[in-house]
Amino acid sequence: MEQNDQHTALLVMDLEMGILNTLPGAESYVSKVATAIGHAREKNIPVIYVIVGFRQTKPEISMNNKSFAAMKENINSIDMNAFMKIHPAVEPLKDDVIVTKRRISAFTGSDLEVVLRAQNINHIILAGIATSGVVLSTTREAADKDYRITILSDGCTDRDEEVHRVLITKVFPRQADVLTIDEWIKA
């Protein structure tokens, strides 16, 4: 296997079945992300999967956390292993790293930073659900940690198209390069 001279990794975030099952147009979106993953693999860019997950009884969810506390009742009866299963069209290869986070940012409650530093990665390319969730939180935290960031605009999606558009066109360009998957492939 060639060395990754770009010090780059593709982060595929929150493409687990428990999230995708509630997303309109999920199959089309997953197909786009699969294209990005294929390109990363061709270029020997590591693909790191980031999933959100909790123990079966969800002791990690604080009632002080408005987002997760509201969700806790809805997911109490869900089998977390089934929820955290990554979509088969983009499932990891044997040697891919899967990072489990406990909050919205890919860094919070996970060992992502340890994995990135161990592999000498200083440039992360982001794709994930939702633009206003994991992508926004991870972008902000990664910028504060001095990572170089590229966001794949069509590799991200959000239930609110206007929020997605504002983040992609007005907010993210302040801290990241924003490209479509095709633009990234041709770069």
Protein backbone atom coordinates (compact mmCIF):
# COMPACT_ATOMS: atom_id res chain seq x y z
CA MET A 1 0.00 0.00 0.00
CA GLU A 2 1.32 3.43 -0.96
CA GLN A 3 1.95 6.04 1.67
CA ASN A 4 -0.57 8.86 1.91
CA ASP A 5 1.70 11.76 0.96
CA GLN A 6 -1.10 14.30 1.20
CA HIS A 7 -1.55 13.75 4.97
CA THR A 8 -5.24 13.68 4.14
CA ALA A 9 -8.21 11.58 5.27
CA LEU A 10 -11.83 11.43 4.16
CA LEU A 11 -14.24 11.47 7.11
CA VAL A 12 -17.56 9.78 6.32
CA MET A 13 -19.82 10.89 9.16
CA ASP A 14 -23.14 9.53 10.43
CA LEU A 15 -24.01 7.30 7.49
CA GLU A 16 -25.48 4.69 9.77
CA MET A 17 -28.77 2.97 9.09
CA GLY A 18 -30.52 4.50 12.10
CA ILE A 19 -30.00 7.95 10.58
CA LEU A 20 -30.37 7.09 6.89
CA ASN A 21 -33.68 5.30 7.47
CA THR A 22 -35.24 8.68 8.33
CA LEU A 23 -33.66 10.65 5.47
CA PRO A 24 -35.68 11.34 2.31
CA GLY A 25 -33.62 10.56 -0.81
CA ALA A 26 -31.09 8.55 1.19
CA GLU A 27 -30.15 6.15 -1.64
CA SER A 28 -29.21 8.97 -4.02
CA TYR A 29 -27.18 10.68 -1.31
CA VAL A 30 -25.38 7.45 -0.34
CA SER A 31 -24.49 6.90 -4.00
CA LYS A 32 -22.74 10.30 -4.11
CA VAL A 33 -20.76 9.55 -0.97
CA ALA A 34 -19.82 6.14 -2.40
CA THR A 35 -18.26 8.00 -5.35
CA ALA A 36 -16.16 10.11 -2.95
CA ILE A 37 -15.10 6.98 -1.04
CA GLY A 38 -14.10 5.28 -4.29
CA HIS A 39 -11.97 8.27 -5.28
CA ALA A 40 -10.30 8.39 -1.86
CA ARG A 41 -9.43 4.72 -2.13
CA GLU A 42 -7.99 5.22 -5.65
CA LYS A 43 -5.78 8.03 -4.30
CA ASN A 44 -4.76 6.03 -1.23
CA ILE A 45 -6.49 8.51 1.05
CA PRO A 46 -7.63 6.82 4.26
CA VAL A 47 -11.38 6.67 4.80
CA ILE A 48 -12.37 7.12 8.43
CA TYR A 49 -15.96 6.39 9.38
CA VAL A 50 -17.50 8.39 12.23
CA ILE A 51 -20.69 7.11 13.81
CA VAL A 52 -22.74 8.29 16.75
CA GLY A 53 -23.47 5.62 19.28
CA PHE A 54 -24.34 4.88 22.85
CA ARG A 55 -24.49 1.92 25.18
CA GLN A 56 -27.83 0.12 25.11
CA THR A 57 -29.09 1.98 28.22
CA LYS A 58 -27.73 5.34 26.91
CA PRO A 59 -25.94 6.46 30.10
CA GLU A 60 -23.92 8.93 28.00
CA ILE A 61 -27.01 11.03 27.29
CA SER A 62 -27.40 13.89 29.76
CA MET A 63 -30.80 15.47 30.31
CA ASN A 64 -28.89 18.79 30.14
CA ASN A 65 -28.16 18.19 26.45
CA LYS A 66 -31.26 19.45 24.68
CA SER A 67 -30.65 17.62 21.39
CA PHE A 68 -29.77 14.23 22.78
CA ALA A 69 -32.21 14.34 25.72
CA ALA A 70 -35.10 14.86 23.28
CA MET A 71 -33.85 11.95 21.20
CA LYS A 72 -33.29 9.58 24.15
CA GLU A 73 -36.93 8.60 24.54
CA ASN A 74 -37.25 7.89 20.81
CA ILE A 75 -34.20 5.63 20.73
CA ASN A 76 -34.60 3.91 24.11
CA SER A 77 -36.13 0.79 22.56
CA ILE A 78 -33.78 0.72 19.55
CA ASP A 79 -31.02 -1.86 19.32
CA MET A 80 -27.93 0.37 19.18
CA ASN A 81 -25.95 -2.19 17.16
CA ALA A 82 -28.59 -2.07 14.42
CA PHE A 83 -28.80 1.73 14.66
CA MET A 84 -25.00 2.12 14.31
CA LYS A 85 -24.65 -0.23 11.31
CA ILE A 86 -23.14 1.66 8.37
CA HIS A 87 -25.08 1.55 5.09
CA PRO A 88 -23.99 -1.47 3.00
CA ALA A 89 -23.28 0.67 -0.10
CA VAL A 90 -20.54 2.53 1.80
CA GLU A 91 -19.55 -0.01 4.41
CA PRO A 92 -15.98 0.04 5.66
CA LEU A 93 -13.28 -2.26 4.40
CA LYS A 94 -11.49 -4.55 6.84
CA ASP A 95 -8.69 -2.07 7.63
CA ASP A 96 -10.79 1.11 7.72
CA VAL A 97 -11.06 2.92 11.03
CA ILE A 98 -14.49 3.38 12.61
CA VAL A 99 -14.69 6.07 15.28
CA THR A 100 -17.66 6.20 17.64
CA LYS A 101 -18.56 9.65 18.92
CA ARG A 102 -20.94 10.48 21.76
CA ARG A 103 -22.03 13.95 20.68
CA ILE A 104 -22.51 15.94 17.47
CA SER A 105 -18.86 16.78 16.67
CA ALA A 106 -16.77 13.90 15.34
CA PHE A 107 -14.16 14.80 17.97
CA THR A 108 -16.35 14.83 21.09
CA GLY A 109 -16.27 11.63 23.08
CA SER A 110 -14.22 9.83 20.43
CA ASP A 111 -10.61 8.98 19.70
CA LEU A 112 -10.66 10.71 16.29
CA GLU A 113 -7.90 13.16 17.11
CA VAL A 114 -5.64 10.36 18.35
CA VAL A 115 -6.23 8.45 15.09
CA LEU A 116 -5.55 11.53 12.94
CA ARG A 117 -2.37 12.46 14.82
CA ALA A 118 -1.08 8.87 14.76
CA GLN A 119 -1.43 8.85 10.96
CA ASN A 120 0.08 12.35 10.61
CA ILE A 121 -3.13 13.64 9.03
CA ASN A 122 -3.53 17.40 8.99
CA HIS A 123 -6.10 17.74 6.18
CA ILE A 124 -9.59 16.32 6.60
CA ILE A 125 -12.25 16.06 3.91
CA LEU A 126 -15.76 16.00 5.32
CA ALA A 127 -18.92 14.27 4.11
CA GLY A 128 -21.89 13.55 6.33
CA ILE A 129 -25.37 13.94 7.72
CA ALA A 130 -26.33 16.59 8.76
CA THR A 131 -24.72 19.71 7.41
CA SER A 132 -26.09 21.64 10.41
CA GLY A 133 -25.00 18.91 12.82
CA VAL A 134 -21.87 16.80 12.52
CA VAL A 135 -20.44 18.76 9.57
CA LEU A 136 -20.82 22.15 11.26
CA SER A 137 -19.61 20.99 14.67
CA THR A 138 -16.68 19.04 13.27
CA THR A 139 -15.66 21.93 11.00
CA ARG A 140 -15.62 24.39 13.88
CA GLU A 141 -13.67 22.10 16.18
CA ALA A 142 -11.23 21.02 13.45
CA ALA A 143 -10.55 24.66 12.56
CA ASP A 144 -9.81 25.41 16.21
CA LYS A 145 -7.42 22.44 16.21
CA ASP A 146 -5.63 23.83 13.12
CA TYR A 147 -6.63 21.13 10.64
CA ARG A 148 -6.92 22.00 6.97
CA ILE A 149 -10.53 21.28 5.99
CA THR A 150 -12.30 20.51 2.74
CA ILE A 151 -16.07 20.06 2.74
CA LEU A 152 -17.75 18.11 -0.05
CA SER A 153 -20.90 20.17 -0.57
CA ASP A 154 -22.89 17.37 -2.20
CA GLY A 155 -21.35 14.85 0.18
CA CYS A 156 -23.29 16.60 2.94
CA THR A 157 -27.03 16.80 3.39
CA ASP A 158 -29.51 18.31 5.78
CA ARG A 159 -33.25 18.04 6.27
CA ASP A 160 -33.41 21.83 5.90
CA GLU A 161 -32.21 22.75 2.41
CA GLU A 162 -31.94 26.46 3.23
CA VAL A 163 -29.74 25.82 6.27
CA HIS A 164 -27.56 23.53 4.11
CA ARG A 165 -27.26 26.25 1.44
CA VAL A 166 -26.35 29.00 3.91
CA LEU A 167 -23.72 26.86 5.63
CA ILE A 168 -22.17 25.67 2.35
CA THR A 169 -22.14 29.07 0.64
CA LYS A 170 -21.69 31.57 3.48
CA VAL A 171 -20.41 29.97 6.68
CA PHE A 172 -18.06 27.11 5.74
CA PRO A 173 -15.92 29.04 3.22
CA ARG A 174 -14.58 31.08 6.15
CA GLN A 175 -12.87 27.98 7.58
CA ALA A 176 -12.75 25.41 4.79
CA ASP A 177 -12.46 24.83 1.08
CA VAL A 178 -15.90 23.87 -0.22
CA LEU A 179 -16.00 21.66 -3.31
CA THR A 180 -18.46 19.34 -4.99
CA ILE A 181 -17.40 15.71 -5.18
CA ASP A 182 -16.71 16.13 -8.93
CA GLU A 183 -14.56 19.22 -8.29
CA TRP A 184 -12.58 17.28 -5.66
CA ILE A 185 -12.08 14.35 -8.01
CA LYS A 186 -10.82 16.64 -10.80
CA ALA A 187 -8.55 18.70 -8.51
